[in-house]
Amino acid sequence: MSDKFGIPLTVKQVQQARFWRKYMRLARAGVPVLRALQVIAEEEEDELFLRIIHSLRESMINGEALHECLGRHKPIFGPTTIELIRTAEIRGEWDEILVELTEGLWEGTFQ
């Protein structure tokens, strides 16, 4: 896959874009966050990313905010992603922010 300029996207960018797009669609449908992560995990085929999703879910069950959980996986989730999610948590503007995040990943703007 390539960004809008024809530059190949990394596997990480594509994987995250798909993850956040699924998360966004589940959230729009009113699926609670822990259930959404469970559903996404059930569909994930990459073993490493599956472990990360389980880790995110477990940390959230233990009361941590999503952006804090993402921060433990900085090699996967970049600073822009973490900051956008932190902002969504504070402002409650999930729909708008998840759209921006997903588009940024597909465009190759975010790592």
PDB file of N, CA and C in Angstrom:
ATOM      1  N   MET A   1       0.833  -1.177   0.000  1.00  0.00           N
ATOM      2  CA  MET A   1       0.000   0.000   0.000  1.00  0.00           C
ATOM      3  C   MET A   1       0.882   1.246   0.000  1.00  0.00           C
ATOM      4  N   SER A   2       0.343   2.295  -0.554  1.00  0.00           N
ATOM      5  CA  SER A   2       1.097   3.543  -0.657  1.00  0.00           C
ATOM      6  C   SER A   2       0.279   4.702  -0.101  1.00  0.00           C
ATOM      7  N   ASP A   3       0.985   5.765   0.277  1.00  0.00           N
ATOM      8  CA  ASP A   3       0.288   6.968   0.707  1.00  0.00           C
ATOM      9  C   ASP A   3      -0.201   7.724  -0.521  1.00  0.00           C
ATOM     10  N   LYS A   4      -0.772   8.898  -0.319  1.00  0.00           N
ATOM     11  CA  LYS A   4      -1.349   9.645  -1.440  1.00  0.00           C
ATOM     12  C   LYS A   4      -0.299  10.126  -2.434  1.00  0.00           C
ATOM     13  N   PHE A   5       0.989  10.055  -2.072  1.00  0.00           N
ATOM     14  CA  PHE A   5       2.066  10.468  -2.961  1.00  0.00           C
ATOM     15  C   PHE A   5       2.758   9.266  -3.612  1.00  0.00           C
ATOM     16  N   GLY A   6       2.245   8.072  -3.344  1.00  0.00           N
ATOM     17  CA  GLY A   6       2.829   6.866  -3.916  1.00  0.00           C
ATOM     18  C   GLY A   6       3.976   6.290  -3.106  1.00  0.00           C
ATOM     19  N   ILE A   7       4.241   6.855  -1.925  1.00  0.00           N
ATOM     20  CA  ILE A   7       5.304   6.344  -1.055  1.00  0.00           C
ATOM     21  C   ILE A   7       4.742   5.160  -0.280  1.00  0.00           C
ATOM     22  N   PRO A   8       5.438   4.033  -0.283  1.00  0.00           N
ATOM     23  CA  PRO A   8       4.920   2.847   0.417  1.00  0.00           C
ATOM     24  C   PRO A   8       4.733   3.104   1.917  1.00  0.00           C
ATOM     25  N   LEU A   9       3.597   2.673   2.418  1.00  0.00           N
ATOM     26  CA  LEU A   9       3.335   2.741   3.844  1.00  0.00           C
ATOM     27  C   LEU A   9       4.037   1.578   4.527  1.00  0.00           C
ATOM     28  N   THR A  10       4.439   1.786   5.761  1.00  0.00           N
ATOM     29  CA  THR A  10       5.048   0.691   6.512  1.00  0.00           C
ATOM     30  C   THR A  10       3.954  -0.270   6.974  1.00  0.00           C
ATOM     31  N   VAL A  11       4.355  -1.472   7.296  1.00  0.00           N
ATOM     32  CA  VAL A  11       3.413  -2.450   7.837  1.00  0.00           C
ATOM     33  C   VAL A  11       2.774  -1.889   9.103  1.00  0.00           C
ATOM     34  N   LYS A  12       3.577  -1.207   9.909  1.00  0.00           N
ATOM     35  CA  LYS A  12       3.084  -0.619  11.153  1.00  0.00           C
ATOM     36  C   LYS A  12       1.988   0.415  10.880  1.00  0.00           C
ATOM     37  N   GLN A  13       2.175   1.271   9.879  1.00  0.00           N
ATOM     38  CA  GLN A  13       1.171   2.286   9.562  1.00  0.00           C
ATOM     39  C   GLN A  13      -0.137   1.645   9.102  1.00  0.00           C
ATOM     40  N   VAL A  14      -0.036   0.654   8.248  1.00  0.00           N
ATOM     41  CA  VAL A  14      -1.235  -0.018   7.745  1.00  0.00           C
ATOM     42  C   VAL A  14      -1.949  -0.742   8.885  1.00  0.00           C
ATOM     43  N   GLN A  15      -1.184  -1.434   9.715  1.00  0.00           N
ATOM     44  CA  GLN A  15      -1.749  -2.172  10.837  1.00  0.00           C
ATOM     45  C   GLN A  15      -2.479  -1.236  11.800  1.00  0.00           C
ATOM     46  N   GLN A  16      -1.841  -0.118  12.124  1.00  0.00           N
ATOM     47  CA  GLN A  16      -2.466   0.835  13.024  1.00  0.00           C
ATOM     48  C   GLN A  16      -3.691   1.497  12.403  1.00  0.00           C
ATOM     49  N   ALA A  17      -3.593   1.850  11.136  1.00  0.00           N
ATOM     50  CA  ALA A  17      -4.731   2.476  10.461  1.00  0.00           C
ATOM     51  C   ALA A  17      -5.948   1.550  10.500  1.00  0.00           C
ATOM     52  N   ARG A  18      -5.721   0.280  10.252  1.00  0.00           N
ATOM     53  CA  ARG A  18      -6.827  -0.687  10.311  1.00  0.00           C
ATOM     54  C   ARG A  18      -7.358  -0.813  11.736  1.00  0.00           C
ATOM     55  N   PHE A  19      -6.447  -0.868  12.709  1.00  0.00           N
ATOM     56  CA  PHE A  19      -6.836  -0.961  14.112  1.00  0.00           C
ATOM     57  C   PHE A  19      -7.723   0.218  14.503  1.00  0.00           C
ATOM     58  N   TRP A  20      -7.254   1.440  14.217  1.00  0.00           N
ATOM     59  CA  TRP A  20      -8.013   2.624  14.623  1.00  0.00           C
ATOM     60  C   TRP A  20      -9.298   2.771  13.829  1.00  0.00           C
ATOM     61  N   ARG A  21      -9.322   2.343  12.589  1.00  0.00           N
ATOM     62  CA  ARG A  21     -10.566   2.400  11.807  1.00  0.00           C
ATOM     63  C   ARG A  21     -11.600   1.447  12.413  1.00  0.00           C
ATOM     64  N   LYS A  22     -11.177   0.237  12.775  1.00  0.00           N
ATOM     65  CA  LYS A  22     -12.095  -0.699  13.427  1.00  0.00           C
ATOM     66  C   LYS A  22     -12.579  -0.120  14.758  1.00  0.00           C
ATOM     67  N   TYR A  23     -11.632   0.411  15.525  1.00  0.00           N
ATOM     68  CA  TYR A  23     -11.978   0.991  16.825  1.00  0.00           C
ATOM     69  C   TYR A  23     -12.994   2.126  16.642  1.00  0.00           C
ATOM     70  N   MET A  24     -12.769   2.984  15.662  1.00  0.00           N
ATOM     71  CA  MET A  24     -13.658   4.111  15.385  1.00  0.00           C
ATOM     72  C   MET A  24     -15.058   3.608  15.026  1.00  0.00           C
ATOM     73  N   ARG A  25     -15.134   2.621  14.176  1.00  0.00           N
ATOM     74  CA  ARG A  25     -16.446   2.133  13.750  1.00  0.00           C
ATOM     75  C   ARG A  25     -17.192   1.464  14.895  1.00  0.00           C
ATOM     76  N   LEU A  26     -16.475   0.729  15.724  1.00  0.00           N
ATOM     77  CA  LEU A  26     -17.109   0.115  16.887  1.00  0.00           C
ATOM     78  C   LEU A  26     -17.573   1.187  17.881  1.00  0.00           C
ATOM     79  N   ALA A  27     -16.739   2.201  18.095  1.00  0.00           N
ATOM     80  CA  ALA A  27     -17.100   3.287  19.008  1.00  0.00           C
ATOM     81  C   ALA A  27     -18.324   4.044  18.490  1.00  0.00           C
ATOM     82  N   ARG A  28     -18.363   4.294  17.199  1.00  0.00           N
ATOM     83  CA  ARG A  28     -19.525   4.988  16.607  1.00  0.00           C
ATOM     84  C   ARG A  28     -20.808   4.197  16.823  1.00  0.00           C
ATOM     85  N   ALA A  29     -20.680   2.874  16.831  1.00  0.00           N
ATOM     86  CA  ALA A  29     -21.846   2.015  17.029  1.00  0.00           C
ATOM     87  C   ALA A  29     -22.239   1.907  18.501  1.00  0.00           C
ATOM     88  N   GLY A  30     -21.416   2.489  19.383  1.00  0.00           N
ATOM     89  CA  GLY A  30     -21.727   2.471  20.803  1.00  0.00           C
ATOM     90  C   GLY A  30     -21.145   1.292  21.561  1.00  0.00           C
ATOM     91  N   VAL A  31     -20.218   0.574  20.937  1.00  0.00           N
ATOM     92  CA  VAL A  31     -19.582  -0.558  21.608  1.00  0.00           C
ATOM     93  C   VAL A  31     -18.621  -0.023  22.674  1.00  0.00           C
ATOM     94  N   PRO A  32     -18.729  -0.479  23.919  1.00  0.00           N
ATOM     95  CA  PRO A  32     -17.807  -0.024  24.965  1.00  0.00           C
ATOM     96  C   PRO A  32     -16.359  -0.365  24.622  1.00  0.00           C
ATOM     97  N   VAL A  33     -15.441   0.444  25.115  1.00  0.00           N
ATOM     98  CA  VAL A  33     -14.032   0.339  24.740  1.00  0.00           C
ATOM     99  C   VAL A  33     -13.449  -1.044  25.013  1.00  0.00           C
ATOM    100  N   LEU A  34     -13.703  -1.628  26.177  1.00  0.00           N
ATOM    101  CA  LEU A  34     -13.121  -2.942  26.472  1.00  0.00           C
ATOM    102  C   LEU A  34     -13.668  -4.018  25.543  1.00  0.00           C
ATOM    103  N   ARG A  35     -14.939  -3.930  25.223  1.00  0.00           N
ATOM    104  CA  ARG A  35     -15.532  -4.886  24.273  1.00  0.00           C
ATOM    105  C   ARG A  35     -14.966  -4.656  22.877  1.00  0.00           C
ATOM    106  N   ALA A  36     -14.791  -3.394  22.501  1.00  0.00           N
ATOM    107  CA  ALA A  36     -14.224  -3.088  21.187  1.00  0.00           C
ATOM    108  C   ALA A  36     -12.824  -3.699  21.048  1.00  0.00           C
ATOM    109  N   LEU A  37     -12.013  -3.563  22.084  1.00  0.00           N
ATOM    110  CA  LEU A  37     -10.666  -4.145  22.033  1.00  0.00           C
ATOM    111  C   LEU A  37     -10.728  -5.659  21.949  1.00  0.00           C
ATOM    112  N   GLN A  38     -11.687  -6.260  22.624  1.00  0.00           N
ATOM    113  CA  GLN A  38     -11.848  -7.708  22.562  1.00  0.00           C
ATOM    114  C   GLN A  38     -12.223  -8.159  21.148  1.00  0.00           C
ATOM    115  N   VAL A  39     -13.156  -7.442  20.537  1.00  0.00           N
ATOM    116  CA  VAL A  39     -13.591  -7.778  19.177  1.00  0.00           C
ATOM    117  C   VAL A  39     -12.425  -7.632  18.189  1.00  0.00           C
ATOM    118  N   ILE A  40     -11.697  -6.536  18.318  1.00  0.00           N
ATOM    119  CA  ILE A  40     -10.550  -6.314  17.430  1.00  0.00           C
ATOM    120  C   ILE A  40      -9.520  -7.422  17.619  1.00  0.00           C
ATOM    121  N   ALA A  41      -9.284  -7.808  18.858  1.00  0.00           N
ATOM    122  CA  ALA A  41      -8.323  -8.886  19.139  1.00  0.00           C
ATOM    123  C   ALA A  41      -8.762 -10.201  18.495  1.00  0.00           C
ATOM    124  N   GLU A  42     -10.053 -10.468  18.507  1.00  0.00           N
ATOM    125  CA  GLU A  42     -10.569 -11.699  17.907  1.00  0.00           C
ATOM    126  C   GLU A  42     -10.313 -11.758  16.406  1.00  0.00           C
ATOM    127  N   GLU A  43     -10.184 -10.607  15.772  1.00  0.00           N
ATOM    128  CA  GLU A  43      -9.960 -10.559  14.327  1.00  0.00           C
ATOM    129  C   GLU A  43      -8.491 -10.396  13.953  1.00  0.00           C
ATOM    130  N   GLU A  44      -7.640 -10.103  14.924  1.00  0.00           N
ATOM    131  CA  GLU A  44      -6.223  -9.828  14.642  1.00  0.00           C
ATOM    132  C   GLU A  44      -5.469 -11.112  14.340  1.00  0.00           C
ATOM    133  N   GLU A  45      -4.704 -11.102  13.263  1.00  0.00           N
ATOM    134  CA  GLU A  45      -3.931 -12.267  12.849  1.00  0.00           C
ATOM    135  C   GLU A  45      -2.460 -12.171  13.219  1.00  0.00           C
ATOM    136  N   ASP A  46      -1.946 -10.959  13.392  1.00  0.00           N
ATOM    137  CA  ASP A  46      -0.543 -10.778  13.742  1.00  0.00           C
ATOM    138  C   ASP A  46      -0.358 -11.023  15.239  1.00  0.00           C
ATOM    139  N   GLU A  47       0.459 -12.003  15.585  1.00  0.00           N
ATOM    140  CA  GLU A  47       0.622 -12.424  16.981  1.00  0.00           C
ATOM    141  C   GLU A  47       1.163 -11.312  17.884  1.00  0.00           C
ATOM    142  N   LEU A  48       2.151 -10.569  17.409  1.00  0.00           N
ATOM    143  CA  LEU A  48       2.716  -9.478  18.210  1.00  0.00           C
ATOM    144  C   LEU A  48       1.668  -8.399  18.476  1.00  0.00           C
ATOM    145  N   PHE A  49       0.965  -7.985  17.437  1.00  0.00           N
ATOM    146  CA  PHE A  49      -0.045  -6.940  17.607  1.00  0.00           C
ATOM    147  C   PHE A  49      -1.190  -7.446  18.486  1.00  0.00           C
ATOM    148  N   LEU A  50      -1.516  -8.726  18.381  1.00  0.00           N
ATOM    149  CA  LEU A  50      -2.543  -9.319  19.232  1.00  0.00           C
ATOM    150  C   LEU A  50      -2.136  -9.217  20.708  1.00  0.00           C
ATOM    151  N   ARG A  51      -0.888  -9.502  21.012  1.00  0.00           N
ATOM    152  CA  ARG A  51      -0.406  -9.380  22.396  1.00  0.00           C
ATOM    153  C   ARG A  51      -0.500  -7.927  22.876  1.00  0.00           C
ATOM    154  N   ILE A  52      -0.212  -6.996  21.996  1.00  0.00           N
ATOM    155  CA  ILE A  52      -0.311  -5.581  22.357  1.00  0.00           C
ATOM    156  C   ILE A  52      -1.759  -5.202  22.668  1.00  0.00           C
ATOM    157  N   ILE A  53      -2.689  -5.653  21.850  1.00  0.00           N
ATOM    158  CA  ILE A  53      -4.105  -5.360  22.081  1.00  0.00           C
ATOM    159  C   ILE A  53      -4.544  -5.930  23.426  1.00  0.00           C
ATOM    160  N   HIS A  54      -4.134  -7.168  23.722  1.00  0.00           N
ATOM    161  CA  HIS A  54      -4.467  -7.769  25.019  1.00  0.00           C
ATOM    162  C   HIS A  54      -3.858  -6.966  26.168  1.00  0.00           C
ATOM    163  N   SER A  55      -2.643  -6.492  25.983  1.00  0.00           N
ATOM    164  CA  SER A  55      -1.978  -5.683  26.999  1.00  0.00           C
ATOM    165  C   SER A  55      -2.738  -4.374  27.232  1.00  0.00           C
ATOM    166  N   LEU A  56      -3.163  -3.731  26.148  1.00  0.00           N
ATOM    167  CA  LEU A  56      -3.947  -2.498  26.268  1.00  0.00           C
ATOM    168  C   LEU A  56      -5.217  -2.749  27.069  1.00  0.00           C
ATOM    169  N   ARG A  57      -5.893  -3.817  26.719  1.00  0.00           N
ATOM    170  CA  ARG A  57      -7.160  -4.145  27.379  1.00  0.00           C
ATOM    171  C   ARG A  57      -6.952  -4.427  28.864  1.00  0.00           C
ATOM    172  N   GLU A  58      -5.944  -5.214  29.192  1.00  0.00           N
ATOM    173  CA  GLU A  58      -5.660  -5.538  30.591  1.00  0.00           C
ATOM    174  C   GLU A  58      -5.327  -4.287  31.394  1.00  0.00           C
ATOM    175  N   SER A  59      -4.524  -3.410  30.826  1.00  0.00           N
ATOM    176  CA  SER A  59      -4.156  -2.179  31.527  1.00  0.00           C
ATOM    177  C   SER A  59      -5.376  -1.298  31.761  1.00  0.00           C
ATOM    178  N   MET A  60      -6.286  -1.271  30.786  1.00  0.00           N
ATOM    179  CA  MET A  60      -7.494  -0.474  30.945  1.00  0.00           C
ATOM    180  C   MET A  60      -8.420  -1.096  31.990  1.00  0.00           C
ATOM    181  N   ILE A  61      -8.481  -2.411  32.054  1.00  0.00           N
ATOM    182  CA  ILE A  61      -9.265  -3.078  33.095  1.00  0.00           C
ATOM    183  C   ILE A  61      -8.739  -2.675  34.469  1.00  0.00           C
ATOM    184  N   ASN A  62      -7.428  -2.476  34.559  1.00  0.00           N
ATOM    185  CA  ASN A  62      -6.790  -2.067  35.815  1.00  0.00           C
ATOM    186  C   ASN A  62      -6.883  -0.564  36.068  1.00  0.00           C
ATOM    187  N   GLY A  63      -7.649   0.142  35.258  1.00  0.00           N
ATOM    188  CA  GLY A  63      -7.946   1.542  35.528  1.00  0.00           C
ATOM    189  C   GLY A  63      -7.082   2.579  34.828  1.00  0.00           C
ATOM    190  N   GLU A  64      -6.232   2.161  33.922  1.00  0.00           N
ATOM    191  CA  GLU A  64      -5.380   3.128  33.229  1.00  0.00           C
ATOM    192  C   GLU A  64      -6.097   3.710  32.013  1.00  0.00           C
ATOM    193  N   ALA A  65      -5.746   4.935  31.688  1.00  0.00           N
ATOM    194  CA  ALA A  65      -6.282   5.587  30.497  1.00  0.00           C
ATOM    195  C   ALA A  65      -5.634   4.971  29.257  1.00  0.00           C
ATOM    196  N   LEU A  66      -6.356   4.998  28.151  1.00  0.00           N
ATOM    197  CA  LEU A  66      -5.851   4.402  26.915  1.00  0.00           C
ATOM    198  C   LEU A  66      -4.527   5.020  26.486  1.00  0.00           C
ATOM    199  N   HIS A  67      -4.390   6.343  26.580  1.00  0.00           N
ATOM    200  CA  HIS A  67      -3.134   6.967  26.129  1.00  0.00           C
ATOM    201  C   HIS A  67      -1.951   6.501  26.980  1.00  0.00           C
ATOM    202  N   GLU A  68      -2.192   6.232  28.267  1.00  0.00           N
ATOM    203  CA  GLU A  68      -1.121   5.713  29.120  1.00  0.00           C
ATOM    204  C   GLU A  68      -0.716   4.306  28.683  1.00  0.00           C
ATOM    205  N   CYS A  69      -1.694   3.504  28.352  1.00  0.00           N
ATOM    206  CA  CYS A  69      -1.430   2.135  27.882  1.00  0.00           C
ATOM    207  C   CYS A  69      -0.647   2.157  26.570  1.00  0.00           C
ATOM    208  N   LEU A  70      -1.034   3.043  25.670  1.00  0.00           N
ATOM    209  CA  LEU A  70      -0.333   3.162  24.390  1.00  0.00           C
ATOM    210  C   LEU A  70       1.119   3.574  24.605  1.00  0.00           C
ATOM    211  N   GLY A  71       1.350   4.421  25.614  1.00  0.00           N
ATOM    212  CA  GLY A  71       2.694   4.906  25.908  1.00  0.00           C
ATOM    213  C   GLY A  71       3.664   3.805  26.276  1.00  0.00           C
ATOM    214  N   ARG A  72       3.165   2.682  26.738  1.00  0.00           N
ATOM    215  CA  ARG A  72       4.027   1.532  27.042  1.00  0.00           C
ATOM    216  C   ARG A  72       4.484   0.792  25.792  1.00  0.00           C
ATOM    217  N   HIS A  73       3.882   1.136  24.685  1.00  0.00           N
ATOM    218  CA  HIS A  73       4.190   0.462  23.420  1.00  0.00           C
ATOM    219  C   HIS A  73       4.661   1.483  22.392  1.00  0.00           C
ATOM    220  N   LYS A  74       5.570   2.372  22.825  1.00  0.00           N
ATOM    221  CA  LYS A  74       6.043   3.452  21.953  1.00  0.00           C
ATOM    222  C   LYS A  74       6.707   2.981  20.663  1.00  0.00           C
ATOM    223  N   PRO A  75       7.344   1.830  20.626  1.00  0.00           N
ATOM    224  CA  PRO A  75       7.863   1.406  19.318  1.00  0.00           C
ATOM    225  C   PRO A  75       6.752   1.174  18.285  1.00  0.00           C
ATOM    226  N   ILE A  76       5.547   0.900  18.772  1.00  0.00           N
ATOM    227  CA  ILE A  76       4.415   0.669  17.875  1.00  0.00           C
ATOM    228  C   ILE A  76       3.600   1.944  17.696  1.00  0.00           C
ATOM    229  N   PHE A  77       3.203   2.570  18.804  1.00  0.00           N
ATOM    230  CA  PHE A  77       2.364   3.767  18.757  1.00  0.00           C
ATOM    231  C   PHE A  77       3.240   4.998  18.948  1.00  0.00           C
ATOM    232  N   GLY A  78       3.268   5.843  17.934  1.00  0.00           N
ATOM    233  CA  GLY A  78       4.119   7.025  17.959  1.00  0.00           C
ATOM    234  C   GLY A  78       3.554   8.142  18.824  1.00  0.00           C
ATOM    235  N   PRO A  79       4.362   9.186  19.026  1.00  0.00           N
ATOM    236  CA  PRO A  79       3.949  10.315  19.861  1.00  0.00           C
ATOM    237  C   PRO A  79       2.672  11.007  19.379  1.00  0.00           C
ATOM    238  N   THR A  80       2.494  11.108  18.081  1.00  0.00           N
ATOM    239  CA  THR A  80       1.287  11.767  17.558  1.00  0.00           C
ATOM    240  C   THR A  80       0.049  10.960  17.918  1.00  0.00           C
ATOM    241  N   THR A  81       0.121   9.656  17.753  1.00  0.00           N
ATOM    242  CA  THR A  81      -1.013   8.792  18.099  1.00  0.00           C
ATOM    243  C   THR A  81      -1.351   8.923  19.570  1.00  0.00           C
ATOM    244  N   ILE A  82      -0.346   8.837  20.419  1.00  0.00           N
ATOM    245  CA  ILE A  82      -0.568   8.908  21.863  1.00  0.00           C
ATOM    246  C   ILE A  82      -1.180  10.255  22.243  1.00  0.00           C
ATOM    247  N   GLU A  83      -0.672  11.330  21.665  1.00  0.00           N
ATOM    248  CA  GLU A  83      -1.192  12.663  21.983  1.00  0.00           C
ATOM    249  C   GLU A  83      -2.621  12.855  21.488  1.00  0.00           C
ATOM    250  N   LEU A  84      -2.914  12.352  20.310  1.00  0.00           N
ATOM    251  CA  LEU A  84      -4.280  12.461  19.792  1.00  0.00           C
ATOM    252  C   LEU A  84      -5.266  11.693  20.672  1.00  0.00           C
ATOM    253  N   ILE A  85      -4.882  10.507  21.111  1.00  0.00           N
ATOM    254  CA  ILE A  85      -5.756   9.720  21.981  1.00  0.00           C
ATOM    255  C   ILE A  85      -5.911  10.401  23.335  1.00  0.00           C
ATOM    256  N   ARG A  86      -4.840  10.967  23.866  1.00  0.00           N
ATOM    257  CA  ARG A  86      -4.921  11.701  25.135  1.00  0.00           C
ATOM    258  C   ARG A  86      -5.906  12.867  24.998  1.00  0.00           C
ATOM    259  N   THR A  87      -5.824  13.566  23.892  1.00  0.00           N
ATOM    260  CA  THR A  87      -6.722  14.690  23.640  1.00  0.00           C
ATOM    261  C   THR A  87      -8.172  14.218  23.515  1.00  0.00           C
ATOM    262  N   ALA A  88      -8.380  13.097  22.841  1.00  0.00           N
ATOM    263  CA  ALA A  88      -9.738  12.549  22.709  1.00  0.00           C
ATOM    264  C   ALA A  88     -10.308  12.206  24.078  1.00  0.00           C
ATOM    265  N   GLU A  89      -9.467  11.662  24.949  1.00  0.00           N
ATOM    266  CA  GLU A  89      -9.926  11.318  26.301  1.00  0.00           C
ATOM    267  C   GLU A  89     -10.317  12.569  27.088  1.00  0.00           C
ATOM    268  N   ILE A  90      -9.548  13.617  26.946  1.00  0.00           N
ATOM    269  CA  ILE A  90      -9.814  14.855  27.683  1.00  0.00           C
ATOM    270  C   ILE A  90     -11.036  15.579  27.127  1.00  0.00           C
ATOM    271  N   ARG A  91     -11.076  15.728  25.814  1.00  0.00           N
ATOM    272  CA  ARG A  91     -12.122  16.537  25.183  1.00  0.00           C
ATOM    273  C   ARG A  91     -13.386  15.759  24.846  1.00  0.00           C
ATOM    274  N   GLY A  92     -13.278  14.429  24.794  1.00  0.00           N
ATOM    275  CA  GLY A  92     -14.437  13.618  24.442  1.00  0.00           C
ATOM    276  C   GLY A  92     -14.816  13.687  22.978  1.00  0.00           C
ATOM    277  N   GLU A  93     -13.918  14.143  22.145  1.00  0.00           N
ATOM    278  CA  GLU A  93     -14.192  14.285  20.707  1.00  0.00           C
ATOM    279  C   GLU A  93     -13.595  13.110  19.942  1.00  0.00           C
ATOM    280  N   TRP A  94     -14.033  11.927  20.315  1.00  0.00           N
ATOM    281  CA  TRP A  94     -13.469  10.708  19.754  1.00  0.00           C
ATOM    282  C   TRP A  94     -13.660  10.613  18.247  1.00  0.00           C
ATOM    283  N   ASP A  95     -14.854  10.873  17.794  1.00  0.00           N
ATOM    284  CA  ASP A  95     -15.146  10.677  16.377  1.00  0.00           C
ATOM    285  C   ASP A  95     -14.212  11.506  15.500  1.00  0.00           C
ATOM    286  N   GLU A  96     -14.132  12.782  15.782  1.00  0.00           N
ATOM    287  CA  GLU A  96     -13.282  13.675  14.992  1.00  0.00           C
ATOM    288  C   GLU A  96     -11.803  13.272  15.072  1.00  0.00           C
ATOM    289  N   ILE A  97     -11.351  12.975  16.255  1.00  0.00           N
ATOM    290  CA  ILE A  97      -9.931  12.654  16.449  1.00  0.00           C
ATOM    291  C   ILE A  97      -9.577  11.303  15.832  1.00  0.00           C
ATOM    292  N   LEU A  98     -10.453  10.311  15.964  1.00  0.00           N
ATOM    293  CA  LEU A  98     -10.169   9.007  15.353  1.00  0.00           C
ATOM    294  C   LEU A  98     -10.146   9.092  13.831  1.00  0.00           C
ATOM    295  N   VAL A  99     -10.991   9.933  13.268  1.00  0.00           N
ATOM    296  CA  VAL A  99     -10.950  10.152  11.814  1.00  0.00           C
ATOM    297  C   VAL A  99      -9.598  10.744  11.424  1.00  0.00           C
ATOM    298  N   GLU A 100      -9.173  11.779  12.147  1.00  0.00           N
ATOM    299  CA  GLU A 100      -7.877  12.414  11.855  1.00  0.00           C
ATOM    300  C   GLU A 100      -6.723  11.427  12.000  1.00  0.00           C
ATOM    301  N   LEU A 101      -6.763  10.635  13.044  1.00  0.00           N
ATOM    302  CA  LEU A 101      -5.701   9.651  13.280  1.00  0.00           C
ATOM    303  C   LEU A 101      -5.651   8.616  12.162  1.00  0.00           C
ATOM    304  N   THR A 102      -6.792   8.075  11.821  1.00  0.00           N
ATOM    305  CA  THR A 102      -6.849   7.065  10.764  1.00  0.00           C
ATOM    306  C   THR A 102      -6.397   7.638   9.425  1.00  0.00           C
ATOM    307  N   GLU A 103      -6.881   8.814   9.095  1.00  0.00           N
ATOM    308  CA  GLU A 103      -6.469   9.445   7.832  1.00  0.00           C
ATOM    309  C   GLU A 103      -4.977   9.752   7.824  1.00  0.00           C
ATOM    310  N   GLY A 104      -4.471  10.226   8.952  1.00  0.00           N
ATOM    311  CA  GLY A 104      -3.042  10.529   9.029  1.00  0.00           C
ATOM    312  C   GLY A 104      -2.168   9.305   8.819  1.00  0.00           C
ATOM    313  N   LEU A 105      -2.600   8.174   9.342  1.00  0.00           N
ATOM    314  CA  LEU A 105      -1.862   6.929   9.152  1.00  0.00           C
ATOM    315  C   LEU A 105      -1.937   6.476   7.691  1.00  0.00           C
ATOM    316  N   TRP A 106      -3.132   6.520   7.094  1.00  0.00           N
ATOM    317  CA  TRP A 106      -3.279   6.112   5.694  1.00  0.00           C
ATOM    318  C   TRP A 106      -2.522   7.050   4.755  1.00  0.00           C
ATOM    319  N   GLU A 107      -2.441   8.333   5.102  1.00  0.00           N
ATOM    320  CA  GLU A 107      -1.724   9.301   4.273  1.00  0.00           C
ATOM    321  C   GLU A 107      -0.214   9.179   4.424  1.00  0.00           C
ATOM    322  N   GLY A 108       0.227   8.529   5.479  1.00  0.00           N
ATOM    323  CA  GLY A 108       1.653   8.439   5.747  1.00  0.00           C
ATOM    324  C   GLY A 108       2.167   9.634   6.558  1.00  0.00           C
ATOM    325  N   THR A 109       1.232  10.466   7.047  1.00  0.00           N
ATOM    326  CA  THR A 109       1.620  11.638   7.833  1.00  0.00           C
ATOM    327  C   THR A 109       2.137  11.227   9.206  1.00  0.00           C
ATOM    328  N   PHE A 110       1.500  10.230   9.819  1.00  0.00           N
ATOM    329  CA  PHE A 110       1.867   9.766  11.151  1.00  0.00           C
ATOM    330  C   PHE A 110       2.635   8.452  11.044  1.00  0.00           C
ATOM    331  N   GLN A 111       3.518   8.262  12.006  1.00  0.00           N
ATOM    332  CA  GLN A 111       4.318   7.020  12.034  1.00  0.00           C
ATOM    333  C   GLN A 111       3.609   5.930  12.777  1.00  0.00           C
TER     334      GLN A 111
END
